[in-house]
Each structure stands twice: as structure tokens, then as C-alpha cells.
Amino acid sequence: MGAIDLLFEALQLVLREASLFAAFGFVVLGIGDLVIDAAWLMLAIRRAFRPNDRPRVATNLPPARQPGRFAVFVPAWDEAEVIGGMLRHALAAFGGGDYRIYVGCYPNDPATIAAVRAVADPRVRLVVGPSAGPTSKADCLNRLWARMIADETAEGFRFKAVVLHDAEDIVHSAELPLFDSLIERFDLVQLPVVPLIDRRSRWIGGHYLDEFAEAHGKEMVVRAALRVGLPSAGVGCALDRDALAAIAAARGAPFDPDSLTEDYELGLRFREAGRTATFVRLPAANGRAVVATKGYFPTSLDAAVAQKARWMSGIALSGWDRLGWRGGLAERWMRLRDRQSVIAALLLAAAYLAILCGGLLALVGLGTEREMQPFSDTFLLLATLATGLLLWRLAVRFFFVARDHGWREAWRSPFRAMVGNAIAILAAVRALSRYNAHRRTGHSIWDKTAHAFPAQVPAE
């Protein structure tokens, strides 16, 4: 057998095995997605036939029985370009509400410190820690918590809740009244996150728009209905002050500085402690968009890969070690879904490898009598099911993107899915490296990306 024959046989072997592995995995994951789709559809039908069960707009929420003061935590490392615009917009949006914005900075970041001081508003409290940055985001949040507690002691009052935001966030004017009402019933209240469209990055930045439209339009809605652990997005999230204090008392600080994804873990630990949580997707008023946190996401390939790698390493890998598999069947299933991103990336890599091998086989066999061995009936069945599930998945995403962002963006979503797949594969490789490094050192360093804040804030 010649070298060409050996190559042909090797390519066929890789093609068959990679194709079978990918097809089987996609069917398994696709079935799980179908269950979530069905659960969301049942909730939508129930709401359509029982419209009075829940308020349809934020203005219909009952007013807070005991209106309280909110502490807004904004950790900031190397955010001089955005923090000033974010704070000015937040002050204008929140208006005369009862709140204080705590901004955490580092002594070796004078540009960000100067940008915060330039805002010059008594409702903004600059907190400069003793350690040079960056430490971890959780460490910065813990310093804000300590300063908040010190202010309570010195001034003789207690905050009602802590609200988490990032330095590039565009907050909503209806956010604090909504939190004021619902935090009396729930210990954690999470709003949707809506990525802004950067016209210079329709494909890399735009793929976040598609993913969040589905995740925060369907997945989080189902999780809240199932009353399982609700992961915090780290922004647009209100945490009951006393519930957070109980977490702090149990482990010395409310946020774990050794966690790669402290916001995600905090939501699940609230559930383990018996705390309640909800995901709220309500329009501000009739005919208005939902109350949500908006912001730009990474627009370059490297930045997107780095961010996705942090999420994968913290949720799918480190989260397995740190949080385990506690809870009932629904809770364990949701944790499995949270941790399947690395497996999904591996399946995608296998599928693209199979496509590559198929193309090489066609070239190697060109002009010869070599023929590929036929695929088994089992594989053909799995491939048919996987293809059907893929088309359904793209249709579901199309629906959610069209609902939130219009038809033009929806038509882009199937093509952006390929961009998202490539980013996921690259991110999985980096996530494994990051996870191994974290296991060796046991410490987490703030791995942030450059942020942008719009010159003109979009209408709510």
C-alpha cells in the first residue's frame, strides 16, 4: 500500500470517528435544548391564557412597602475611558433616588481615579484600596462592601440592597424602583443584559447579541420558573443586603476573591443557602423595551476569546470543583448545562475536523478509482437528527433575536453562529490553560478587556 493509500485510509478513519462523535454529541445536547424550548413555550402559553398572574410592565409592580437606600457597586480597573460617562449617565438615569454609587479603584491607576473624581457628585463614593491592581474583581467588590459597612456604622443607617454594575454599563432609569419593589420578595433580582450593536464589529461583537437574546430571553426565564440556582450576570443585579451579610459572615467576605467567576458562583450559593432569586423581564411601560442593562461587548477576536475563556474556565471547569453537584434533579441538570460549554466546543472542533477531512479525501481521490467507504445506518440516523436539531436551534435563535432586535439582526444570526463557534473552540483551548494555571496558584487575577461607552446613550 502506497503513501497515498495510507493517507486516504487515515483520512477516512478520522472522518468516520469525528463525524460519529460530533453527531452523537449534538443529538444529546440538542435534546436538552429542546426540553428548555418546550418549558419556555409552556410558560409563554400559560401567560397568554392567564395574563393577570404577573404584571406585564414594570410600572404595574406594587410599590415598595419600605422604600430603602441602594448601594451600587462598580469595580474599576483601568477604566478611565468609560467610567466618567457611565457615572454621569447613571446619576442622570437614577435621578433623585435614594442611592450611593461606590467605585472601587487602585492606587496604581491614577487615570481612573481622576476620571471618578472629575464627576464631583456627593452620591459617588471613590474607594481606593491599599493594594496595587489588578487583584481580582471579587477582591475589589469586597473592599466596596467593607466601605459600605463602615459608612453604615458612621452614619447610622442600613442599605436595603447592593446593586452590581460594571464600569461600561448603561443603566436603566426604571431599575432602582423595580429593585426596590422586588427585593422585598426575593434575595436576588437579576435583569436582562442587552449587548449594544457595534457597526464596526457586526460579526464578532454581534454574536453576543444573538447569544444573550436567547439566554436572557429563554434560558434564564425557565431557570427562574424552575426555582433552581439563578446565576448572577454580575451586572443589573440586586442583592438583599442582609442575605449578602449572611454570606459574608459564613466565609469572611461576600465575594470569593479566588473565584474566576464570582458573580456566577454567588447566585448559586444564594440558592444553596436557601435564598430566593428571580429573573425579571418586564417592559418599563406599555410599548417600551424591557428594563435591562446595556453595554458594548468585545469587538476583536482576541478579546472575545479571552472573555469566553474566562467564562468557560470559571463556570464549566472551576465551577465543577468549587460548587460540585448539589441540589435536586433540576438543579443538577442546570449545572450540567452550565458546564457543557467545553464539551460543546470539543464537538464543534470534531465536526469541523470531519468537514476538513471530507474535503481532503475528495482532493486525494480526485482522478483516481479510490472510493470512500459508505457511512453506517446508525451514523446517517444520528446525522439526520443532528441536522434537524441544528436547523431548529437556528430558527429558535432567529425568533428571539427578531423579537428583541428586529429582522435584520435576526437574518445575520445564523451566519454569526459560525463566528461564535470559532470563538468557542479557541476559547476552550485557552480556558483549559487558564484553569490549569488557576489550580496551580489558587489565585484569580482580574483578566479584563478594554471597554467602550457610547458618546450618545441609546434611548430606553
Protein backbone atom coordinates (compact mmCIF):
# COMPACT_ATOMS: atom_id res chain seq x y z
CA MET A 1 0.00 0.00 0.00
CA GLY A 2 1.45 3.34 -1.04
CA ALA A 3 1.66 6.54 0.92
CA ILE A 4 -1.39 7.99 -0.86
CA ASP A 5 -3.41 4.90 0.02
CA LEU A 6 -2.35 5.15 3.68
CA LEU A 7 -3.29 8.81 3.73
CA PHE A 8 -6.67 8.02 2.16
CA GLU A 9 -7.40 5.31 4.75
CA ALA A 10 -6.27 7.54 7.63
CA LEU A 11 -8.48 10.40 6.48
CA GLN A 12 -11.44 8.05 6.17
CA LEU A 13 -10.89 6.76 9.70
CA VAL A 14 -10.69 10.27 11.15
CA LEU A 15 -13.73 11.33 9.12
CA ARG A 16 -15.87 8.44 10.37
CA GLU A 17 -14.86 8.70 14.04
CA ALA A 18 -15.03 12.51 14.24
CA SER A 19 -18.37 12.57 12.43
CA LEU A 20 -19.90 9.92 14.67
CA PHE A 21 -18.62 11.60 17.83
CA ALA A 22 -19.93 15.01 16.75
CA ALA A 23 -23.30 13.73 15.55
CA PHE A 24 -23.95 11.76 18.75
CA GLY A 25 -22.91 14.68 20.95
CA PHE A 26 -25.01 17.20 19.04
CA VAL A 27 -28.08 14.98 19.36
CA VAL A 28 -27.62 14.63 23.12
CA LEU A 29 -27.09 18.36 23.65
CA GLY A 30 -29.86 19.20 21.19
CA ILE A 31 -32.38 17.13 23.12
CA GLY A 32 -31.51 19.08 26.26
CA ASP A 33 -32.09 22.33 24.38
CA LEU A 34 -35.44 21.02 23.15
CA VAL A 35 -36.57 20.45 26.73
CA ILE A 36 -35.74 24.08 27.57
CA ASP A 37 -37.59 25.22 24.44
CA ALA A 38 -40.66 23.22 25.45
CA ALA A 39 -40.56 24.57 29.00
CA TRP A 40 -40.35 28.17 27.74
CA LEU A 41 -43.21 27.56 25.32
CA MET A 42 -45.38 26.18 28.11
CA LEU A 43 -44.64 29.26 30.22
CA ALA A 44 -45.49 31.54 27.29
CA ILE A 45 -48.79 29.74 26.67
CA ARG A 46 -49.69 29.85 30.35
CA ARG A 47 -49.01 33.56 30.48
CA ALA A 48 -51.10 34.15 27.36
CA PHE A 49 -54.11 32.40 28.88
CA ARG A 50 -53.56 33.74 32.41
CA PRO A 51 -52.49 37.34 31.80
CA ASN A 52 -53.27 38.53 35.31
CA ASP A 53 -50.88 36.13 37.06
CA ARG A 54 -47.95 38.51 36.73
CA PRO A 55 -47.52 42.20 35.95
CA ARG A 56 -46.85 42.84 32.27
CA VAL A 57 -44.98 46.12 32.76
CA ALA A 58 -42.65 47.41 35.47
CA THR A 59 -44.99 50.27 36.33
CA ASN A 60 -47.59 47.72 37.46
CA LEU A 61 -45.33 46.32 40.16
CA PRO A 62 -46.57 47.07 43.66
CA PRO A 63 -44.64 49.93 45.28
CA ALA A 64 -42.10 49.05 47.93
CA ARG A 65 -43.65 48.69 51.39
CA GLN A 66 -40.50 50.13 52.95
CA PRO A 67 -38.51 52.11 50.37
CA GLY A 68 -34.80 51.83 51.04
CA ARG A 69 -31.38 53.06 50.05
CA PHE A 70 -29.28 51.21 47.48
CA ALA A 71 -25.52 50.78 47.31
CA VAL A 72 -24.38 50.50 43.69
CA PHE A 73 -21.03 48.70 43.44
CA VAL A 74 -18.85 49.50 40.41
CA PRO A 75 -15.41 47.82 40.45
CA ALA A 76 -12.99 49.63 38.13
CA TRP A 77 -9.50 48.74 36.98
CA ASP A 78 -8.05 50.67 34.03
CA GLU A 79 -11.45 52.16 33.15
CA ALA A 80 -10.51 55.83 32.64
CA GLU A 81 -12.02 55.81 29.15
CA VAL A 82 -15.51 54.79 30.27
CA ILE A 83 -16.08 55.34 33.97
CA GLY A 84 -16.83 59.07 33.71
CA GLY A 85 -19.51 58.60 31.06
CA MET A 86 -21.00 55.65 32.92
CA LEU A 87 -21.27 57.56 36.20
CA ARG A 88 -22.77 60.69 34.63
CA HIS A 89 -25.38 58.66 32.82
CA ALA A 90 -26.17 56.62 35.96
CA LEU A 91 -26.64 59.78 38.02
CA ALA A 92 -28.98 61.20 35.38
CA ALA A 93 -30.91 57.94 34.98
CA PHE A 94 -31.31 57.26 38.70
CA GLY A 95 -32.19 60.90 39.32
CA GLY A 96 -33.21 61.74 42.84
CA GLY A 97 -33.48 58.15 44.04
CA ASP A 98 -32.02 57.06 47.35
CA TYR A 99 -28.70 55.54 46.40
CA ARG A 100 -24.93 55.82 46.63
CA ILE A 101 -22.50 54.66 43.97
CA TYR A 102 -19.31 53.05 45.30
CA VAL A 103 -16.50 52.94 42.74
CA GLY A 104 -13.54 50.70 43.55
CA CYS A 105 -10.14 51.82 42.21
CA TYR A 106 -6.47 51.02 42.74
CA PRO A 107 -3.64 53.35 43.85
CA ASN A 108 -1.61 52.50 40.73
CA ASP A 109 -4.45 53.54 38.40
CA PRO A 110 -4.39 57.35 38.68
CA ALA A 111 -6.23 57.90 35.38
CA THR A 112 -9.33 56.05 36.57
CA ILE A 113 -9.18 57.77 39.94
CA ALA A 114 -9.01 61.16 38.24
CA ALA A 115 -11.96 60.27 35.99
CA VAL A 116 -14.09 59.34 39.01
CA ARG A 117 -13.13 62.49 40.91
CA ALA A 118 -14.00 64.61 37.87
CA VAL A 119 -17.65 63.59 38.23
CA ALA A 120 -17.74 65.51 41.53
CA ASP A 121 -21.07 64.33 42.89
CA PRO A 122 -21.70 63.55 46.59
CA ARG A 123 -23.62 60.40 45.60
CA VAL A 124 -20.42 58.92 44.13
CA ARG A 125 -18.04 57.45 46.69
CA LEU A 126 -14.50 56.74 45.48
CA VAL A 127 -12.88 53.79 47.24
CA VAL A 128 -9.15 53.35 46.64
CA GLY A 129 -7.81 50.14 48.12
CA PRO A 130 -4.41 49.66 49.73
CA SER A 131 -3.18 47.07 47.22
CA ALA A 132 -1.86 47.74 43.74
CA GLY A 133 -4.03 46.45 40.96
CA PRO A 134 -5.22 44.40 39.47
CA THR A 135 -6.17 41.95 42.18
CA SER A 136 -9.42 40.12 41.41
CA LYS A 137 -12.79 41.65 40.70
CA ALA A 138 -14.17 39.91 43.80
CA ASP A 139 -11.43 41.46 45.92
CA CYS A 140 -12.39 44.90 44.64
CA LEU A 141 -16.06 44.22 45.40
CA ASN A 142 -15.16 43.11 48.93
CA ARG A 143 -13.41 46.44 49.52
CA LEU A 144 -16.56 48.23 48.42
CA TRP A 145 -18.57 46.09 50.81
CA ALA A 146 -16.23 46.96 53.68
CA ARG A 147 -16.53 50.66 52.90
CA MET A 148 -20.32 50.39 52.73
CA ILE A 149 -20.41 48.73 56.16
CA ALA A 150 -18.15 51.45 57.56
CA ASP A 151 -20.45 54.15 56.16
CA GLU A 152 -23.48 52.47 57.71
CA THR A 153 -21.78 52.42 61.09
CA ALA A 154 -20.58 56.00 60.86
CA GLU A 155 -23.85 57.45 59.54
CA GLY A 156 -26.34 55.28 61.43
CA PHE A 157 -28.36 53.72 58.62
CA ARG A 158 -28.60 50.46 56.67
CA PHE A 159 -28.74 49.95 52.96
CA LYS A 160 -31.61 47.89 51.63
CA ALA A 161 -29.69 46.15 48.86
CA VAL A 162 -26.48 46.10 46.85
CA VAL A 163 -26.67 46.58 43.08
CA LEU A 164 -23.85 45.29 40.88
CA HIS A 165 -22.70 47.08 37.74
CA ASP A 166 -19.60 47.26 35.57
CA ALA A 167 -17.77 50.43 34.57
CA GLU A 168 -19.13 50.33 31.00
CA ASP A 169 -22.80 49.65 31.83
CA ILE A 170 -25.72 51.72 30.60
CA VAL A 171 -28.21 51.54 33.47
CA HIS A 172 -31.98 51.89 33.08
CA SER A 173 -33.95 54.68 34.74
CA ALA A 174 -36.60 52.19 35.98
CA GLU A 175 -34.02 49.89 37.53
CA LEU A 176 -33.94 51.09 41.15
CA PRO A 177 -37.74 51.37 41.60
CA LEU A 178 -38.07 47.84 40.20
CA PHE A 179 -35.40 46.56 42.60
CA ASP A 180 -36.99 48.44 45.50
CA SER A 181 -40.25 46.58 44.92
CA LEU A 182 -38.95 43.07 44.21
CA ILE A 183 -36.07 42.89 46.69
CA GLU A 184 -38.70 42.72 49.42
CA ARG A 185 -39.83 39.36 47.98
CA PHE A 186 -36.56 37.97 46.63
CA ASP A 187 -32.99 37.98 47.86
CA LEU A 188 -31.55 38.24 44.35
CA VAL A 189 -33.14 40.08 41.41
CA GLN A 190 -31.48 39.81 38.00
CA LEU A 191 -32.32 41.98 34.98
CA PRO A 192 -31.62 41.02 31.36
CA VAL A 193 -28.36 42.05 29.73
CA VAL A 194 -28.62 43.51 26.22
CA PRO A 195 -25.41 43.89 24.17
CA LEU A 196 -25.22 47.01 22.06
CA ILE A 197 -24.59 46.72 18.33
CA ASP A 198 -21.19 47.98 17.23
CA ARG A 199 -21.43 48.57 13.49
CA ARG A 200 -17.68 48.12 13.18
CA SER A 201 -17.96 44.59 14.58
CA ARG A 202 -21.18 43.13 13.20
CA TRP A 203 -19.88 39.57 13.42
CA ILE A 204 -17.60 39.25 16.45
CA GLY A 205 -19.32 41.79 18.68
CA GLY A 206 -22.69 40.98 17.15
CA HIS A 207 -22.63 37.30 18.11
CA TYR A 208 -23.06 38.33 21.76
CA LEU A 209 -26.33 39.96 20.78
CA ASP A 210 -27.63 36.63 19.46
CA GLU A 211 -26.47 34.59 22.43
CA PHE A 212 -27.88 36.94 25.07
CA ALA A 213 -31.18 37.31 23.21
CA GLU A 214 -31.69 33.56 23.60
CA ALA A 215 -30.06 33.08 27.01
CA HIS A 216 -31.83 36.01 28.70
CA GLY A 217 -34.99 35.63 26.69
CA LYS A 218 -35.49 31.92 27.32
CA GLU A 219 -32.91 30.07 29.44
CA MET A 220 -32.98 32.41 32.44
CA VAL A 221 -36.77 32.63 32.27
CA VAL A 222 -37.01 28.84 32.53
CA ARG A 223 -34.45 28.68 35.35
CA ALA A 224 -36.38 31.22 37.37
CA ALA A 225 -39.62 29.28 36.82
CA LEU A 226 -37.95 26.03 37.96
CA ARG A 227 -36.67 27.82 41.10
CA VAL A 228 -33.17 26.46 40.69
CA GLY A 229 -29.95 28.36 41.30
CA LEU A 230 -30.03 31.57 39.29
CA PRO A 231 -26.54 32.67 38.23
CA SER A 232 -25.92 36.37 38.60
CA ALA A 233 -24.67 38.12 35.49
CA GLY A 234 -22.62 40.45 37.69
CA VAL A 235 -24.42 43.48 36.24
CA GLY A 236 -28.02 44.63 36.54
CA CYS A 237 -28.32 42.53 39.67
CA ALA A 238 -29.68 43.47 43.10
CA LEU A 239 -28.68 41.52 46.21
CA ASP A 240 -30.51 41.81 49.52
CA ARG A 241 -28.17 43.46 51.99
CA ASP A 242 -28.89 41.06 54.85
CA ALA A 243 -28.62 37.99 52.62
CA LEU A 244 -25.24 39.21 51.40
CA ALA A 245 -24.20 39.86 55.00
CA ALA A 246 -25.08 36.27 55.90
CA ILE A 247 -22.82 35.02 53.09
CA ALA A 248 -20.07 37.33 54.34
CA ALA A 249 -20.46 36.08 57.91
CA ALA A 250 -20.16 32.48 56.77
CA ARG A 251 -16.89 32.91 54.87
CA GLY A 252 -15.47 36.28 55.90
CA ALA A 253 -16.41 38.22 52.75
CA PRO A 254 -19.43 38.23 50.44
CA PHE A 255 -17.42 37.72 47.22
CA ASP A 256 -14.83 34.98 46.85
CA PRO A 257 -11.55 36.54 45.66
CA ASP A 258 -10.25 33.15 44.49
CA SER A 259 -13.15 32.59 42.12
CA LEU A 260 -12.76 33.10 38.38
CA THR A 261 -16.49 33.92 38.05
CA GLU A 262 -17.54 35.32 41.42
CA ASP A 263 -20.87 36.64 40.13
CA TYR A 264 -21.99 33.27 38.72
CA GLU A 265 -21.00 31.42 41.90
CA LEU A 266 -22.71 33.92 44.18
CA GLY A 267 -26.08 33.27 42.57
CA LEU A 268 -25.75 29.52 43.08
CA ARG A 269 -24.53 29.95 46.66
CA PHE A 270 -27.60 32.04 47.40
CA ARG A 271 -29.69 29.05 46.36
CA GLU A 272 -27.64 26.66 48.49
CA ALA A 273 -28.22 28.95 51.47
CA GLY A 274 -31.98 28.76 50.92
CA ARG A 275 -32.25 32.25 49.46
CA THR A 276 -34.77 33.17 46.78
CA ALA A 277 -33.99 34.62 43.36
CA THR A 278 -35.85 35.81 40.29
CA PHE A 279 -35.13 36.90 36.77
CA VAL A 280 -37.27 39.88 35.73
CA ARG A 281 -38.00 40.60 32.10
CA LEU A 282 -40.54 43.41 32.07
CA PRO A 283 -41.04 46.43 29.79
CA ALA A 284 -40.66 49.75 31.57
CA ALA A 285 -44.17 50.66 30.37
CA ASN A 286 -46.59 49.75 27.61
CA GLY A 287 -44.86 49.91 24.24
CA ARG A 288 -41.40 50.28 25.80
CA ALA A 289 -38.38 47.98 25.76
CA VAL A 290 -37.62 45.74 28.73
CA VAL A 291 -35.81 47.15 31.74
CA ALA A 292 -32.28 45.91 31.12
CA THR A 293 -28.59 46.70 31.42
CA LYS A 294 -26.95 47.56 28.13
CA GLY A 295 -23.33 47.79 27.07
CA TYR A 296 -20.74 47.03 24.44
CA PHE A 297 -19.09 43.63 24.38
CA PRO A 298 -15.64 42.74 22.96
CA THR A 299 -15.29 43.54 19.28
CA SER A 300 -11.93 41.91 18.48
CA LEU A 301 -11.28 38.20 18.13
CA ASP A 302 -8.64 38.05 20.86
CA ALA A 303 -10.77 39.99 23.34
CA ALA A 304 -13.83 37.82 22.67
CA VAL A 305 -11.79 34.63 23.05
CA ALA A 306 -10.29 35.90 26.31
CA GLN A 307 -13.70 36.74 27.75
CA LYS A 308 -15.27 33.44 26.70
CA ALA A 309 -12.24 31.59 28.11
CA ARG A 310 -12.77 33.26 31.48
CA TRP A 311 -16.42 32.23 31.49
CA MET A 312 -15.58 28.65 30.49
CA SER A 313 -12.76 28.20 32.98
CA GLY A 314 -14.75 29.74 35.81
CA ILE A 315 -18.14 28.13 35.16
CA ALA A 316 -17.51 24.87 33.31
CA LEU A 317 -14.18 23.85 34.88
CA SER A 318 -13.52 25.63 38.17
CA GLY A 319 -17.24 25.67 38.95
CA TRP A 320 -17.25 21.86 38.87
CA ASP A 321 -14.52 21.82 41.54
CA ARG A 322 -15.90 24.60 43.70
CA LEU A 323 -19.66 24.03 43.55
CA GLY A 324 -19.97 20.31 42.85
CA TRP A 325 -23.31 18.72 42.01
CA ARG A 326 -25.58 19.69 44.89
CA GLY A 327 -29.35 20.00 44.81
CA GLY A 328 -32.22 18.15 43.21
CA LEU A 329 -32.55 16.80 39.70
CA ALA A 330 -33.44 20.15 38.10
CA GLU A 331 -30.58 21.89 39.90
CA ARG A 332 -28.04 19.28 38.83
CA TRP A 333 -29.30 19.37 35.27
CA MET A 334 -28.89 23.14 35.10
CA ARG A 335 -25.36 22.87 36.46
CA LEU A 336 -24.67 20.29 33.77
CA ARG A 337 -25.93 22.73 31.15
CA ASP A 338 -23.70 25.44 32.60
CA ARG A 339 -20.69 23.14 32.31
CA GLN A 340 -21.28 21.73 28.86
CA SER A 341 -19.64 24.65 27.01
CA VAL A 342 -16.23 22.96 26.83
CA ILE A 343 -17.83 19.73 25.62
CA ALA A 344 -19.79 21.68 23.02
CA ALA A 345 -16.57 23.31 21.81
CA LEU A 346 -14.97 19.86 21.52
CA LEU A 347 -17.93 18.62 19.47
CA LEU A 348 -17.68 21.65 17.20
CA ALA A 349 -13.98 21.01 16.69
CA ALA A 350 -14.73 17.39 15.79
CA ALA A 351 -17.39 18.48 13.30
CA TYR A 352 -15.09 20.96 11.59
CA LEU A 353 -12.32 18.34 11.54
CA ALA A 354 -14.70 15.95 9.79
CA ILE A 355 -15.56 18.60 7.21
CA LEU A 356 -11.86 19.22 6.62
CA CYS A 357 -11.15 15.50 6.23
CA GLY A 358 -14.03 15.18 3.78
CA GLY A 359 -12.57 17.92 1.63
CA LEU A 360 -9.08 16.39 1.75
CA LEU A 361 -10.49 12.99 0.82
CA ALA A 362 -12.15 14.50 -2.22
CA LEU A 363 -8.82 16.03 -3.26
CA VAL A 364 -6.77 12.89 -2.61
CA GLY A 365 -9.25 10.72 -4.51
CA LEU A 366 -9.54 13.16 -7.39
CA GLY A 367 -8.75 11.44 -10.68
CA THR A 368 -8.32 8.00 -9.08
CA GLU A 369 -10.51 4.98 -8.53
CA ARG A 370 -10.42 5.28 -4.75
CA GLU A 371 -13.88 5.36 -3.20
CA MET A 372 -14.93 6.31 0.30
CA GLN A 373 -16.50 3.63 2.45
CA PRO A 374 -20.22 4.27 2.99
CA PHE A 375 -21.36 5.57 6.38
CA SER A 376 -23.30 3.24 8.66
CA ASP A 377 -27.06 3.47 9.03
CA THR A 378 -26.56 4.46 12.68
CA PHE A 379 -24.43 7.43 11.71
CA LEU A 380 -26.84 8.50 8.98
CA LEU A 381 -29.69 8.49 11.50
CA LEU A 382 -27.67 10.49 14.03
CA ALA A 383 -26.53 12.93 11.33
CA THR A 384 -30.12 13.46 10.21
CA LEU A 385 -31.27 14.11 13.77
CA ALA A 386 -28.33 16.42 14.44
CA THR A 387 -29.04 18.39 11.26
CA GLY A 388 -32.70 18.74 12.16
CA LEU A 389 -31.83 19.90 15.67
CA LEU A 390 -29.33 22.39 14.27
CA LEU A 391 -31.91 23.91 11.96
CA TRP A 392 -34.38 24.10 14.85
CA ARG A 393 -31.73 25.75 17.04
CA LEU A 394 -31.03 28.38 14.40
CA ALA A 395 -34.77 29.00 13.97
CA VAL A 396 -35.25 29.46 17.73
CA ARG A 397 -32.37 31.90 17.91
CA PHE A 398 -33.75 33.73 14.88
CA PHE A 399 -37.05 34.17 16.73
CA PHE A 400 -35.51 35.60 19.90
CA VAL A 401 -33.14 37.93 18.03
CA ALA A 402 -36.00 39.16 15.83
CA ARG A 403 -38.17 39.78 18.90
CA ASP A 404 -35.51 41.85 20.67
CA HIS A 405 -33.52 43.43 17.84
CA GLY A 406 -35.52 43.22 14.64
CA TRP A 407 -35.47 41.17 11.45
CA ARG A 408 -32.20 42.50 10.06
CA GLU A 409 -30.20 41.27 13.02
CA ALA A 410 -32.17 38.02 13.06
CA TRP A 411 -31.11 37.25 9.47
CA ARG A 412 -27.50 37.74 10.48
CA SER A 413 -27.76 35.37 13.44
CA PRO A 414 -27.35 32.05 11.51
CA PHE A 415 -24.13 33.31 9.94
CA ARG A 416 -22.88 34.78 13.22
CA ALA A 417 -23.37 31.34 14.76
CA MET A 418 -20.34 30.18 12.78
CA VAL A 419 -18.32 33.05 14.20
CA GLY A 420 -19.48 32.11 17.69
CA ASN A 421 -18.45 28.50 17.06
CA ALA A 422 -14.93 29.53 16.08
CA ILE A 423 -14.63 31.75 19.17
CA ALA A 424 -15.90 28.92 21.38
CA ILE A 425 -13.30 26.47 20.06
CA LEU A 426 -10.42 28.92 20.57
CA ALA A 427 -11.78 29.90 23.99
CA ALA A 428 -11.95 26.26 25.14
CA VAL A 429 -8.23 25.82 24.46
CA ARG A 430 -7.40 28.98 26.41
CA ALA A 431 -9.83 28.05 29.19
CA LEU A 432 -8.03 24.77 29.83
CA SER A 433 -4.72 26.61 30.13
CA ARG A 434 -6.25 29.24 32.41
CA TYR A 435 -7.90 26.59 34.57
CA ASN A 436 -4.62 24.67 34.99
CA ALA A 437 -2.84 27.87 35.98
CA HIS A 438 -5.57 28.67 38.49
CA ARG A 439 -5.30 25.21 40.04
CA ARG A 440 -1.53 25.63 40.45
CA THR A 441 -1.67 29.07 42.07
CA GLY A 442 -5.13 29.05 43.66
CA HIS A 443 -5.45 32.76 42.89
CA SER A 444 -7.51 34.71 40.41
CA ILE A 445 -6.24 37.83 38.63
CA TRP A 446 -8.62 40.31 37.02
CA ASP A 447 -8.47 39.36 33.34
CA LYS A 448 -10.49 42.23 31.86
CA THR A 449 -10.89 43.54 28.35
CA ALA A 450 -10.92 47.11 27.06
CA HIS A 451 -14.37 48.69 27.29
CA ALA A 452 -16.25 51.39 25.41
CA PHE A 453 -19.08 53.72 26.38
CA PRO A 454 -21.25 55.31 23.69
CA ALA A 455 -20.87 59.01 23.01
CA GLN A 456 -24.66 59.15 22.75
CA VAL A 457 -26.60 56.80 25.03
CA PRO A 458 -29.34 54.95 23.11
CA ALA A 459 -32.95 55.58 24.07
CA GLU A 460 -34.53 53.24 26.57
